[in-house]
Amino acid sequence: MKAIRGAITVKADTAEEIKKNVRLLLTKLTEKNGLTAENIVCIMFSNTSDIHSYYPAKAAREVGFFNCALFSSIEPDIDDSLPLCIRVMVLAETEITPKHVYLNGAANLRKDITKKLNIAIDGPAGSGKSTVSKILSKRFDILYLDTGAMYRACALACENAGIDCKDEASVQAFADSVDITVKYENKAQKTYLNGRDVTEIIRTPHISMMASVVSAYGCIRTKMVELQRKIAKENSCVLDGRDIGTNVLPAAEFKFFLTASPEIRANRRLAENELKGFNQSFEDVLREIKARDEQDTGRKIAPLLKADDAMEINTDKLTEEEVANEICSVIQGKI
């Protein structure tokens, strides 16, 4: 069972205004979450004490919500509370990720929900981008778009087709036949290559290095950036990569650039690879980290750079949770 929250303000304490806005709030909430009368178990309302001419629960019943339990309560007087406000919590038998709805003046109560958030996280390999981005995704209940997975899938496509990733002309001739799709299943991103789930296959060190090569080509970047921008335009999401704040979403309101020393990043990547069953020495991983840095910062198209308006965070001595806490504090302070 999931709890879905919402709120709306009314212009005046009249039965007509309350009925109209209760209908609007419940309609938006059910449509946005794909709810039906069959899976709604209970609807609980509370309203500020300046609303007393009509019960929101009674209004809900009159506009068609009569197959579930309905409750109404009046909130205590609180200084500086939003006036003429009706809040609701819907309990429903569903497996979806709840999409909360705040309308009219109530939108100011939860700008993190009502405002579309695009959070750009950039930085070199091993700086903690992916882990921090996943934490932010859960905290803000928004999508996490792993842009690096897209380039890895392109590299895998070339590998499977016998295309030399270092031959830009061959990659360009092959690029149009590559179909990369991103889906969100069970709250996780799945990457599909020509209809096949390659989410796990693309995580090898070899594919990682090849992804750095193909991502430098204009034909690949144009194809992937177009898809990334489309997803970000339609959804609140956190994107991590190397050129999100400078190239993919230069107008993003929230930009962060994570850094760490090569040695710290190599130790992190070594631990990740060991968990995945990849046996490498520290020296080999450190060499790969430095080579990846050189490739990413030296490419002509959309190199790894810190955006001028991005906040830089050194993660050498911070856990991923501590980095996420710092980013959340900055975002909450602005919204």
C-alpha atoms as a PDB file:
ATOM      1  CA  MET A   1       0.000   0.000   0.000  1.00  0.00           C
ATOM      2  CA  LYS A   2       1.255   3.480  -0.852  1.00  0.00           C
ATOM      3  CA  ALA A   3       0.447   6.864   0.695  1.00  0.00           C
ATOM      4  CA  ILE A   4       0.043   9.682  -1.808  1.00  0.00           C
ATOM      5  CA  ARG A   5      -0.062  13.245  -0.519  1.00  0.00           C
ATOM      6  CA  GLY A   6      -1.566  16.426  -1.882  1.00  0.00           C
ATOM      7  CA  ALA A   7      -2.840  19.868  -0.978  1.00  0.00           C
ATOM      8  CA  ILE A   8      -4.744  22.748  -2.544  1.00  0.00           C
ATOM      9  CA  THR A   9      -5.871  26.200  -1.502  1.00  0.00           C
ATOM     10  CA  VAL A  10      -9.328  27.693  -2.056  1.00  0.00           C
ATOM     11  CA  LYS A  11     -10.201  31.315  -2.747  1.00  0.00           C
ATOM     12  CA  ALA A  12     -12.962  31.488  -0.165  1.00  0.00           C
ATOM     13  CA  ASP A  13     -14.605  29.391   2.528  1.00  0.00           C
ATOM     14  CA  THR A  14     -17.670  28.458   0.497  1.00  0.00           C
ATOM     15  CA  ALA A  15     -19.215  25.111  -0.370  1.00  0.00           C
ATOM     16  CA  GLU A  16     -18.841  25.831  -4.077  1.00  0.00           C
ATOM     17  CA  GLU A  17     -15.113  26.605  -3.782  1.00  0.00           C
ATOM     18  CA  ILE A  18     -14.447  23.568  -1.605  1.00  0.00           C
ATOM     19  CA  LYS A  19     -16.305  21.174  -3.919  1.00  0.00           C
ATOM     20  CA  LYS A  20     -14.599  22.575  -7.016  1.00  0.00           C
ATOM     21  CA  ASN A  21     -11.110  22.342  -5.578  1.00  0.00           C
ATOM     22  CA  VAL A  22     -11.541  18.961  -3.919  1.00  0.00           C
ATOM     23  CA  ARG A  23     -12.644  17.635  -7.312  1.00  0.00           C
ATOM     24  CA  LEU A  24      -9.613  19.221  -8.991  1.00  0.00           C
ATOM     25  CA  LEU A  25      -7.169  17.911  -6.383  1.00  0.00           C
ATOM     26  CA  LEU A  26      -8.466  14.343  -6.421  1.00  0.00           C
ATOM     27  CA  THR A  27      -8.761  14.259 -10.203  1.00  0.00           C
ATOM     28  CA  LYS A  28      -5.151  15.407 -10.670  1.00  0.00           C
ATOM     29  CA  LEU A  29      -3.887  13.051  -7.990  1.00  0.00           C
ATOM     30  CA  THR A  30      -5.655   9.962  -9.356  1.00  0.00           C
ATOM     31  CA  GLU A  31      -4.766  10.720 -12.972  1.00  0.00           C
ATOM     32  CA  LYS A  32      -1.123  11.376 -12.186  1.00  0.00           C
ATOM     33  CA  ASN A  33      -0.841   8.103 -10.252  1.00  0.00           C
ATOM     34  CA  GLY A  34      -3.078   5.983 -12.476  1.00  0.00           C
ATOM     35  CA  LEU A  35      -5.461   5.183  -9.620  1.00  0.00           C
ATOM     36  CA  THR A  36      -8.929   3.710  -9.969  1.00  0.00           C
ATOM     37  CA  ALA A  37     -11.821   3.400  -7.536  1.00  0.00           C
ATOM     38  CA  GLU A  38     -10.846  -0.242  -6.996  1.00  0.00           C
ATOM     39  CA  ASN A  39      -7.370   0.418  -5.617  1.00  0.00           C
ATOM     40  CA  ILE A  40      -8.166   3.456  -3.436  1.00  0.00           C
ATOM     41  CA  VAL A  41      -8.614   2.228   0.139  1.00  0.00           C
ATOM     42  CA  CYS A  42      -8.959   5.451   2.080  1.00  0.00           C
ATOM     43  CA  ILE A  43      -8.919   9.228   1.569  1.00  0.00           C
ATOM     44  CA  MET A  44      -8.050  11.388   4.595  1.00  0.00           C
ATOM     45  CA  PHE A  45      -8.479  15.149   4.567  1.00  0.00           C
ATOM     46  CA  SER A  46      -7.376  17.883   6.926  1.00  0.00           C
ATOM     47  CA  ASN A  47      -8.035  21.567   6.477  1.00  0.00           C
ATOM     48  CA  THR A  48      -6.976  24.785   8.123  1.00  0.00           C
ATOM     49  CA  SER A  49      -9.317  26.161  10.764  1.00  0.00           C
ATOM     50  CA  ASP A  50     -10.481  28.991   8.496  1.00  0.00           C
ATOM     51  CA  ILE A  51     -12.387  26.405   6.420  1.00  0.00           C
ATOM     52  CA  HIS A  52     -15.597  25.278   8.111  1.00  0.00           C
ATOM     53  CA  SER A  53     -18.481  25.781   5.687  1.00  0.00           C
ATOM     54  CA  TYR A  54     -18.198  22.326   4.107  1.00  0.00           C
ATOM     55  CA  TYR A  55     -16.358  19.088   4.893  1.00  0.00           C
ATOM     56  CA  PRO A  56     -13.816  18.107   2.186  1.00  0.00           C
ATOM     57  CA  ALA A  57     -14.696  14.434   2.761  1.00  0.00           C
ATOM     58  CA  LYS A  58     -18.344  15.185   2.000  1.00  0.00           C
ATOM     59  CA  ALA A  59     -17.251  17.050  -1.127  1.00  0.00           C
ATOM     60  CA  ALA A  60     -15.207  14.016  -2.183  1.00  0.00           C
ATOM     61  CA  ARG A  61     -18.209  11.745  -1.834  1.00  0.00           C
ATOM     62  CA  GLU A  62     -20.380  14.104  -3.856  1.00  0.00           C
ATOM     63  CA  VAL A  63     -17.875  14.236  -6.724  1.00  0.00           C
ATOM     64  CA  GLY A  64     -17.756  10.452  -7.026  1.00  0.00           C
ATOM     65  CA  PHE A  65     -15.332   9.065  -4.443  1.00  0.00           C
ATOM     66  CA  PHE A  66     -17.772   6.911  -2.501  1.00  0.00           C
ATOM     67  CA  ASN A  67     -16.235   3.422  -2.725  1.00  0.00           C
ATOM     68  CA  CYS A  68     -13.566   4.040  -0.074  1.00  0.00           C
ATOM     69  CA  ALA A  69     -13.321   5.248   3.510  1.00  0.00           C
ATOM     70  CA  LEU A  70     -13.411   9.050   3.827  1.00  0.00           C
ATOM     71  CA  PHE A  71     -12.229  11.139   6.786  1.00  0.00           C
ATOM     72  CA  SER A  72     -11.981  14.861   7.530  1.00  0.00           C
ATOM     73  CA  SER A  73     -10.292  16.720  10.362  1.00  0.00           C
ATOM     74  CA  ILE A  74      -9.534  20.342  11.220  1.00  0.00           C
ATOM     75  CA  GLU A  75      -5.929  21.342  11.861  1.00  0.00           C
ATOM     76  CA  PRO A  76      -4.995  23.342  14.974  1.00  0.00           C
ATOM     77  CA  ASP A  77      -4.211  27.033  14.577  1.00  0.00           C
ATOM     78  CA  ILE A  78      -0.560  27.502  13.663  1.00  0.00           C
ATOM     79  CA  ASP A  79       1.090  30.901  13.280  1.00  0.00           C
ATOM     80  CA  ASP A  80       2.006  31.752   9.666  1.00  0.00           C
ATOM     81  CA  SER A  81       0.330  28.619   8.289  1.00  0.00           C
ATOM     82  CA  LEU A  82      -0.963  28.745   4.727  1.00  0.00           C
ATOM     83  CA  PRO A  83      -4.585  29.982   4.874  1.00  0.00           C
ATOM     84  CA  LEU A  84      -7.593  28.302   3.262  1.00  0.00           C
ATOM     85  CA  CYS A  85      -5.685  25.087   2.634  1.00  0.00           C
ATOM     86  CA  ILE A  86      -7.005  21.548   2.232  1.00  0.00           C
ATOM     87  CA  ARG A  87      -4.556  18.655   2.575  1.00  0.00           C
ATOM     88  CA  VAL A  88      -5.171  15.067   1.569  1.00  0.00           C
ATOM     89  CA  MET A  89      -3.563  11.663   1.962  1.00  0.00           C
ATOM     90  CA  VAL A  90      -4.761   8.852  -0.282  1.00  0.00           C
ATOM     91  CA  LEU A  91      -3.975   5.269   0.693  1.00  0.00           C
ATOM     92  CA  ALA A  92      -3.993   3.008  -2.345  1.00  0.00           C
ATOM     93  CA  GLU A  93      -3.152  -0.574  -3.241  1.00  0.00           C
ATOM     94  CA  THR A  94      -0.529   0.096  -5.894  1.00  0.00           C
ATOM     95  CA  GLU A  95       3.159  -0.549  -6.582  1.00  0.00           C
ATOM     96  CA  ILE A  96       3.883   2.758  -8.329  1.00  0.00           C
ATOM     97  CA  THR A  97       6.241   5.391  -7.006  1.00  0.00           C
ATOM     98  CA  PRO A  98       3.827   7.974  -5.529  1.00  0.00           C
ATOM     99  CA  LYS A  99       3.513  11.264  -7.410  1.00  0.00           C
ATOM    100  CA  HIS A 100       2.326  13.870  -4.945  1.00  0.00           C
ATOM    101  CA  VAL A 101       0.177  16.808  -6.061  1.00  0.00           C
ATOM    102  CA  TYR A 102       0.269  20.356  -4.670  1.00  0.00           C
ATOM    103  CA  LEU A 103      -1.913  22.928  -6.416  1.00  0.00           C
ATOM    104  CA  ASN A 104      -2.692  26.656  -6.302  1.00  0.00           C
ATOM    105  CA  GLY A 105      -1.076  28.361  -3.320  1.00  0.00           C
ATOM    106  CA  ALA A 106      -0.201  24.983  -1.804  1.00  0.00           C
ATOM    107  CA  ALA A 107       2.505  24.531  -4.431  1.00  0.00           C
ATOM    108  CA  ASN A 108       4.694  26.710  -2.198  1.00  0.00           C
ATOM    109  CA  LEU A 109       4.503  24.075   0.536  1.00  0.00           C
ATOM    110  CA  ARG A 110       6.519  21.564  -1.477  1.00  0.00           C
ATOM    111  CA  LYS A 111       8.511  23.208  -4.223  1.00  0.00           C
ATOM    112  CA  ASP A 112      10.745  20.130  -4.315  1.00  0.00           C
ATOM    113  CA  ILE A 113       7.704  18.216  -5.564  1.00  0.00           C
ATOM    114  CA  THR A 114       5.869  20.787  -7.650  1.00  0.00           C
ATOM    115  CA  LYS A 115       8.910  22.315  -9.316  1.00  0.00           C
ATOM    116  CA  LYS A 116      10.727  20.354 -12.011  1.00  0.00           C
ATOM    117  CA  LEU A 117      14.224  19.662 -10.747  1.00  0.00           C
ATOM    118  CA  ASN A 118      17.182  18.990 -13.010  1.00  0.00           C
ATOM    119  CA  ILE A 119      20.336  18.326 -11.001  1.00  0.00           C
ATOM    120  CA  ALA A 120      23.643  18.111 -12.890  1.00  0.00           C
ATOM    121  CA  ILE A 121      26.469  16.126 -11.272  1.00  0.00           C
ATOM    122  CA  ASP A 122      29.803  16.176 -13.102  1.00  0.00           C
ATOM    123  CA  GLY A 123      33.257  14.920 -12.261  1.00  0.00           C
ATOM    124  CA  PRO A 124      35.978  12.440 -13.213  1.00  0.00           C
ATOM    125  CA  ALA A 125      35.739   8.656 -12.915  1.00  0.00           C
ATOM    126  CA  GLY A 126      35.601   7.420  -9.333  1.00  0.00           C
ATOM    127  CA  SER A 127      34.615  10.753  -7.781  1.00  0.00           C
ATOM    128  CA  GLY A 128      31.352   9.293  -6.478  1.00  0.00           C
ATOM    129  CA  LYS A 129      28.960  10.758  -9.039  1.00  0.00           C
ATOM    130  CA  SER A 130      26.811   7.698  -9.608  1.00  0.00           C
ATOM    131  CA  THR A 131      26.369   6.730  -5.953  1.00  0.00           C
ATOM    132  CA  VAL A 132      25.609  10.292  -4.878  1.00  0.00           C
ATOM    133  CA  SER A 133      23.181  10.729  -7.777  1.00  0.00           C
ATOM    134  CA  LYS A 134      21.298   7.581  -6.763  1.00  0.00           C
ATOM    135  CA  ILE A 135      21.022   8.870  -3.186  1.00  0.00           C
ATOM    136  CA  LEU A 136      19.666  12.214  -4.423  1.00  0.00           C
ATOM    137  CA  SER A 137      17.222  10.412  -6.692  1.00  0.00           C
ATOM    138  CA  LYS A 138      15.738   8.557  -3.719  1.00  0.00           C
ATOM    139  CA  ARG A 139      15.658  11.572  -1.426  1.00  0.00           C
ATOM    140  CA  PHE A 140      13.894  13.826  -3.915  1.00  0.00           C
ATOM    141  CA  ASP A 141      11.862  10.959  -5.417  1.00  0.00           C
ATOM    142  CA  ILE A 142      13.020  11.830  -8.951  1.00  0.00           C
ATOM    143  CA  LEU A 143      14.582   9.859 -11.788  1.00  0.00           C
ATOM    144  CA  TYR A 144      18.279   9.057 -11.908  1.00  0.00           C
ATOM    145  CA  LEU A 145      19.691   9.137 -15.429  1.00  0.00           C
ATOM    146  CA  ASP A 146      23.054   7.394 -15.704  1.00  0.00           C
ATOM    147  CA  THR A 147      24.333   9.065 -18.859  1.00  0.00           C
ATOM    148  CA  GLY A 148      27.558   7.077 -18.790  1.00  0.00           C
ATOM    149  CA  ALA A 149      25.564   3.889 -19.325  1.00  0.00           C
ATOM    150  CA  MET A 150      24.439   5.232 -22.697  1.00  0.00           C
ATOM    151  CA  TYR A 151      28.019   5.696 -23.906  1.00  0.00           C
ATOM    152  CA  ARG A 152      28.973   2.297 -22.523  1.00  0.00           C
ATOM    153  CA  ALA A 153      26.135   0.760 -24.544  1.00  0.00           C
ATOM    154  CA  CYS A 154      27.462   2.473 -27.674  1.00  0.00           C
ATOM    155  CA  ALA A 155      30.904   1.031 -26.985  1.00  0.00           C
ATOM    156  CA  LEU A 156      29.402  -2.433 -26.498  1.00  0.00           C
ATOM    157  CA  ALA A 157      27.533  -2.098 -29.800  1.00  0.00           C
ATOM    158  CA  CYS A 158      30.806  -1.386 -31.587  1.00  0.00           C
ATOM    159  CA  GLU A 159      32.496  -4.270 -29.801  1.00  0.00           C
ATOM    160  CA  ASN A 160      29.739  -6.703 -30.767  1.00  0.00           C
ATOM    161  CA  ALA A 161      29.839  -5.568 -34.407  1.00  0.00           C
ATOM    162  CA  GLY A 162      33.617  -5.787 -34.643  1.00  0.00           C
ATOM    163  CA  ILE A 163      33.958  -2.017 -35.083  1.00  0.00           C
ATOM    164  CA  ASP A 164      37.258  -0.510 -33.969  1.00  0.00           C
ATOM    165  CA  CYS A 165      36.250   2.142 -31.419  1.00  0.00           C
ATOM    166  CA  LYS A 166      39.364   4.133 -32.253  1.00  0.00           C
ATOM    167  CA  ASP A 167      38.304   4.454 -35.900  1.00  0.00           C
ATOM    168  CA  GLU A 168      35.943   7.432 -35.804  1.00  0.00           C
ATOM    169  CA  ALA A 169      34.857   7.070 -39.437  1.00  0.00           C
ATOM    170  CA  SER A 170      33.802   3.454 -38.858  1.00  0.00           C
ATOM    171  CA  VAL A 171      31.957   4.372 -35.646  1.00  0.00           C
ATOM    172  CA  GLN A 172      30.164   7.219 -37.416  1.00  0.00           C
ATOM    173  CA  ALA A 173      29.060   4.947 -40.267  1.00  0.00           C
ATOM    174  CA  PHE A 174      27.759   2.450 -37.715  1.00  0.00           C
ATOM    175  CA  ALA A 175      26.133   4.913 -35.265  1.00  0.00           C
ATOM    176  CA  ASP A 176      22.738   5.241 -36.967  1.00  0.00           C
ATOM    177  CA  SER A 177      22.065   1.520 -36.572  1.00  0.00           C
ATOM    178  CA  VAL A 178      22.575   1.647 -32.801  1.00  0.00           C
ATOM    179  CA  ASP A 179      19.329   1.822 -30.820  1.00  0.00           C
ATOM    180  CA  ILE A 180      19.841   2.848 -27.180  1.00  0.00           C
ATOM    181  CA  THR A 181      16.796   2.879 -24.908  1.00  0.00           C
ATOM    182  CA  VAL A 182      16.599   3.838 -21.249  1.00  0.00           C
ATOM    183  CA  LYS A 183      13.802   2.392 -19.123  1.00  0.00           C
ATOM    184  CA  TYR A 184      12.974   2.643 -15.432  1.00  0.00           C
ATOM    185  CA  GLU A 185      12.010  -0.706 -13.956  1.00  0.00           C
ATOM    186  CA  ASN A 186      11.549  -1.351 -10.234  1.00  0.00           C
ATOM    187  CA  LYS A 187      12.930   2.129  -9.499  1.00  0.00           C
ATOM    188  CA  ALA A 188      16.190   1.398 -11.342  1.00  0.00           C
ATOM    189  CA  GLN A 189      17.538   2.423 -14.726  1.00  0.00           C
ATOM    190  CA  LYS A 190      17.828  -0.319 -17.299  1.00  0.00           C
ATOM    191  CA  THR A 191      19.843   0.244 -20.466  1.00  0.00           C
ATOM    192  CA  TYR A 192      18.784  -1.573 -23.615  1.00  0.00           C
ATOM    193  CA  LEU A 193      20.889  -2.013 -26.750  1.00  0.00           C
ATOM    194  CA  ASN A 194      18.828  -2.905 -29.807  1.00  0.00           C
ATOM    195  CA  GLY A 195      16.125  -4.288 -27.498  1.00  0.00           C
ATOM    196  CA  ARG A 196      18.484  -6.310 -25.286  1.00  0.00           C
ATOM    197  CA  ASP A 197      19.056  -5.527 -21.599  1.00  0.00           C
ATOM    198  CA  VAL A 198      22.785  -4.759 -21.282  1.00  0.00           C
ATOM    199  CA  THR A 199      22.674  -3.058 -17.884  1.00  0.00           C
ATOM    200  CA  GLU A 200      25.194  -5.422 -16.294  1.00  0.00           C
ATOM    201  CA  ILE A 201      27.287  -6.317 -19.346  1.00  0.00           C
ATOM    202  CA  ILE A 202      28.422  -2.724 -19.912  1.00  0.00           C
ATOM    203  CA  ARG A 203      30.116  -2.442 -16.496  1.00  0.00           C
ATOM    204  CA  THR A 204      33.442  -4.117 -17.355  1.00  0.00           C
ATOM    205  CA  PRO A 205      36.667  -2.058 -17.189  1.00  0.00           C
ATOM    206  CA  HIS A 206      37.266  -2.758 -20.889  1.00  0.00           C
ATOM    207  CA  ILE A 207      33.893  -1.307 -21.936  1.00  0.00           C
ATOM    208  CA  SER A 208      34.470   1.630 -19.606  1.00  0.00           C
ATOM    209  CA  MET A 209      37.673   2.574 -21.436  1.00  0.00           C
ATOM    210  CA  MET A 210      36.040   2.102 -24.842  1.00  0.00           C
ATOM    211  CA  ALA A 211      33.125   4.303 -23.733  1.00  0.00           C
ATOM    212  CA  SER A 212      35.579   7.104 -23.045  1.00  0.00           C
ATOM    213  CA  VAL A 213      36.848   6.772 -26.625  1.00  0.00           C
ATOM    214  CA  VAL A 214      33.478   6.740 -28.427  1.00  0.00           C
ATOM    215  CA  SER A 215      32.027   9.477 -26.234  1.00  0.00           C
ATOM    216  CA  ALA A 216      34.544  11.876 -27.754  1.00  0.00           C
ATOM    217  CA  TYR A 217      32.969  11.527 -31.212  1.00  0.00           C
ATOM    218  CA  GLY A 218      30.459  14.150 -32.300  1.00  0.00           C
ATOM    219  CA  CYS A 219      28.157  11.605 -33.956  1.00  0.00           C
ATOM    220  CA  ILE A 220      27.776   9.681 -30.684  1.00  0.00           C
ATOM    221  CA  ARG A 221      27.525  12.703 -28.402  1.00  0.00           C
ATOM    222  CA  THR A 222      24.850  14.339 -30.560  1.00  0.00           C
ATOM    223  CA  LYS A 223      22.768  11.155 -30.509  1.00  0.00           C
ATOM    224  CA  MET A 224      23.067  10.640 -26.736  1.00  0.00           C
ATOM    225  CA  VAL A 225      22.705  14.289 -25.710  1.00  0.00           C
ATOM    226  CA  GLU A 226      19.492  14.570 -27.693  1.00  0.00           C
ATOM    227  CA  LEU A 227      18.053  11.641 -25.742  1.00  0.00           C
ATOM    228  CA  GLN A 228      19.317  12.975 -22.403  1.00  0.00           C
ATOM    229  CA  ARG A 229      17.796  16.402 -22.979  1.00  0.00           C
ATOM    230  CA  LYS A 230      14.472  14.853 -23.976  1.00  0.00           C
ATOM    231  CA  ILE A 231      14.309  12.849 -20.738  1.00  0.00           C
ATOM    232  CA  ALA A 232      15.311  15.861 -18.612  1.00  0.00           C
ATOM    233  CA  LYS A 233      12.735  18.087 -20.309  1.00  0.00           C
ATOM    234  CA  GLU A 234       9.939  15.664 -19.496  1.00  0.00           C
ATOM    235  CA  ASN A 235      10.987  14.653 -15.981  1.00  0.00           C
ATOM    236  CA  SER A 236      12.553  15.879 -12.791  1.00  0.00           C
ATOM    237  CA  CYS A 237      15.835  14.005 -12.681  1.00  0.00           C
ATOM    238  CA  VAL A 238      19.432  13.937 -11.565  1.00  0.00           C
ATOM    239  CA  LEU A 239      21.994  13.380 -14.331  1.00  0.00           C
ATOM    240  CA  ASP A 240      25.624  12.479 -13.806  1.00  0.00           C
ATOM    241  CA  GLY A 241      28.407  12.582 -16.336  1.00  0.00           C
ATOM    242  CA  ARG A 242      31.281  14.750 -17.474  1.00  0.00           C
ATOM    243  CA  ASP A 243      29.578  17.510 -19.440  1.00  0.00           C
ATOM    244  CA  ILE A 244      26.079  17.716 -17.957  1.00  0.00           C
ATOM    245  CA  GLY A 245      26.437  21.218 -16.548  1.00  0.00           C
ATOM    246  CA  THR A 246      28.497  22.567 -19.445  1.00  0.00           C
ATOM    247  CA  ASN A 247      26.846  20.949 -22.454  1.00  0.00           C
ATOM    248  CA  VAL A 248      23.850  18.688 -21.843  1.00  0.00           C
ATOM    249  CA  LEU A 249      21.921  20.964 -19.457  1.00  0.00           C
ATOM    250  CA  PRO A 250      23.762  24.301 -19.345  1.00  0.00           C
ATOM    251  CA  ALA A 251      20.625  25.992 -17.976  1.00  0.00           C
ATOM    252  CA  ALA A 252      20.184  23.543 -15.074  1.00  0.00           C
ATOM    253  CA  GLU A 253      19.565  25.423 -11.844  1.00  0.00           C
ATOM    254  CA  PHE A 254      21.550  23.001  -9.706  1.00  0.00           C
ATOM    255  CA  LYS A 255      25.075  22.076 -10.794  1.00  0.00           C
ATOM    256  CA  PHE A 256      27.767  20.272  -8.816  1.00  0.00           C
ATOM    257  CA  PHE A 257      31.271  19.128  -9.692  1.00  0.00           C
ATOM    258  CA  LEU A 258      32.756  16.304  -7.613  1.00  0.00           C
ATOM    259  CA  THR A 259      36.511  15.841  -7.366  1.00  0.00           C
ATOM    260  CA  ALA A 260      38.931  13.481  -5.596  1.00  0.00           C
ATOM    261  CA  SER A 261      42.579  12.568  -5.938  1.00  0.00           C
ATOM    262  CA  PRO A 262      43.484   9.862  -8.497  1.00  0.00           C
ATOM    263  CA  GLU A 263      44.656   7.565  -5.686  1.00  0.00           C
ATOM    264  CA  ILE A 264      41.406   7.860  -3.731  1.00  0.00           C
ATOM    265  CA  ARG A 265      39.383   7.298  -6.900  1.00  0.00           C
ATOM    266  CA  ALA A 266      41.504   4.286  -7.856  1.00  0.00           C
ATOM    267  CA  ASN A 267      40.900   2.697  -4.443  1.00  0.00           C
ATOM    268  CA  ARG A 268      37.157   3.237  -4.818  1.00  0.00           C
ATOM    269  CA  ARG A 269      37.097   1.776  -8.315  1.00  0.00           C
ATOM    270  CA  LEU A 270      39.229  -1.174  -7.193  1.00  0.00           C
ATOM    271  CA  ALA A 271      36.703  -1.977  -4.447  1.00  0.00           C
ATOM    272  CA  GLU A 272      33.812  -1.694  -6.929  1.00  0.00           C
ATOM    273  CA  ASN A 273      35.539  -3.969  -9.428  1.00  0.00           C
ATOM    274  CA  GLU A 274      36.306  -6.580  -6.776  1.00  0.00           C
ATOM    275  CA  LEU A 275      32.617  -6.725  -5.861  1.00  0.00           C
ATOM    276  CA  LYS A 276      31.818  -7.298  -9.538  1.00  0.00           C
ATOM    277  CA  GLY A 277      34.423 -10.040  -9.834  1.00  0.00           C
ATOM    278  CA  PHE A 278      36.995  -8.068 -11.845  1.00  0.00           C
ATOM    279  CA  ASN A 279      40.510  -8.874 -10.597  1.00  0.00           C
ATOM    280  CA  GLN A 280      42.904  -5.966 -11.069  1.00  0.00           C
ATOM    281  CA  SER A 281      45.845  -4.545  -9.170  1.00  0.00           C
ATOM    282  CA  PHE A 282      45.792  -1.067  -7.638  1.00  0.00           C
ATOM    283  CA  GLU A 283      48.500   0.001 -10.078  1.00  0.00           C
ATOM    284  CA  ASP A 284      46.420  -1.125 -13.081  1.00  0.00           C
ATOM    285  CA  VAL A 285      43.311   0.671 -11.851  1.00  0.00           C
ATOM    286  CA  LEU A 286      45.261   3.853 -11.069  1.00  0.00           C
ATOM    287  CA  ARG A 287      46.766   3.749 -14.566  1.00  0.00           C
ATOM    288  CA  GLU A 288      43.271   3.384 -16.079  1.00  0.00           C
ATOM    289  CA  ILE A 289      41.923   6.252 -13.950  1.00  0.00           C
ATOM    290  CA  LYS A 290      44.681   8.576 -15.120  1.00  0.00           C
ATOM    291  CA  ALA A 291      44.267   7.487 -18.749  1.00  0.00           C
ATOM    292  CA  ARG A 292      40.511   8.056 -18.507  1.00  0.00           C
ATOM    293  CA  ASP A 293      41.102  11.523 -17.054  1.00  0.00           C
ATOM    294  CA  GLU A 294      43.416  12.381 -19.926  1.00  0.00           C
ATOM    295  CA  GLN A 295      40.903  11.171 -22.498  1.00  0.00           C
ATOM    296  CA  ASP A 296      37.981  12.979 -20.875  1.00  0.00           C
ATOM    297  CA  THR A 297      39.697  16.318 -20.345  1.00  0.00           C
ATOM    298  CA  GLY A 298      41.563  16.287 -23.668  1.00  0.00           C
ATOM    299  CA  ARG A 299      38.747  15.512 -26.090  1.00  0.00           C
ATOM    300  CA  LYS A 300      37.761  18.306 -28.450  1.00  0.00           C
ATOM    301  CA  ILE A 301      33.984  17.879 -28.081  1.00  0.00           C
ATOM    302  CA  ALA A 302      32.412  18.523 -24.665  1.00  0.00           C
ATOM    303  CA  PRO A 303      35.485  17.769 -22.536  1.00  0.00           C
ATOM    304  CA  LEU A 304      35.339  17.214 -18.786  1.00  0.00           C
ATOM    305  CA  LEU A 305      35.101  20.709 -17.329  1.00  0.00           C
ATOM    306  CA  LYS A 306      33.609  22.346 -14.267  1.00  0.00           C
ATOM    307  CA  ALA A 307      30.797  24.709 -15.235  1.00  0.00           C
ATOM    308  CA  ASP A 308      31.400  28.270 -14.090  1.00  0.00           C
ATOM    309  CA  ASP A 309      28.252  28.195 -11.935  1.00  0.00           C
ATOM    310  CA  ALA A 310      28.787  24.691 -10.524  1.00  0.00           C
ATOM    311  CA  MET A 311      29.594  24.101  -6.861  1.00  0.00           C
ATOM    312  CA  GLU A 312      32.786  22.068  -6.468  1.00  0.00           C
ATOM    313  CA  ILE A 313      32.933  19.417  -3.743  1.00  0.00           C
ATOM    314  CA  ASN A 314      36.117  17.509  -2.913  1.00  0.00           C
ATOM    315  CA  THR A 315      35.061  14.019  -1.859  1.00  0.00           C
ATOM    316  CA  ASP A 316      38.440  12.720  -0.632  1.00  0.00           C
ATOM    317  CA  LYS A 317      37.379  12.706   3.028  1.00  0.00           C
ATOM    318  CA  LEU A 318      33.613  12.502   2.616  1.00  0.00           C
ATOM    319  CA  THR A 319      31.282   9.525   2.391  1.00  0.00           C
ATOM    320  CA  GLU A 320      28.684   9.449  -0.368  1.00  0.00           C
ATOM    321  CA  GLU A 321      25.986  10.197   2.220  1.00  0.00           C
ATOM    322  CA  GLU A 322      27.898  13.248   3.449  1.00  0.00           C
ATOM    323  CA  VAL A 323      28.276  14.542  -0.109  1.00  0.00           C
ATOM    324  CA  ALA A 324      24.553  13.998  -0.715  1.00  0.00           C
ATOM    325  CA  ASN A 325      23.751  15.826   2.526  1.00  0.00           C
ATOM    326  CA  GLU A 326      25.777  18.838   1.383  1.00  0.00           C
ATOM    327  CA  ILE A 327      24.067  18.895  -2.019  1.00  0.00           C
ATOM    328  CA  CYS A 328      20.595  18.479  -0.491  1.00  0.00           C
ATOM    329  CA  SER A 329      21.275  21.384   1.865  1.00  0.00           C
ATOM    330  CA  VAL A 330      22.164  23.638  -1.072  1.00  0.00           C
ATOM    331  CA  ILE A 331      19.110  22.604  -3.099  1.00  0.00           C
ATOM    332  CA  GLN A 332      16.658  22.901  -0.213  1.00  0.00           C
ATOM    333  CA  GLY A 333      18.052  26.334   0.554  1.00  0.00           C
ATOM    334  CA  LYS A 334      17.097  27.506  -2.939  1.00  0.00           C
ATOM    335  CA  ILE A 335      13.670  25.890  -3.265  1.00  0.00           C
END
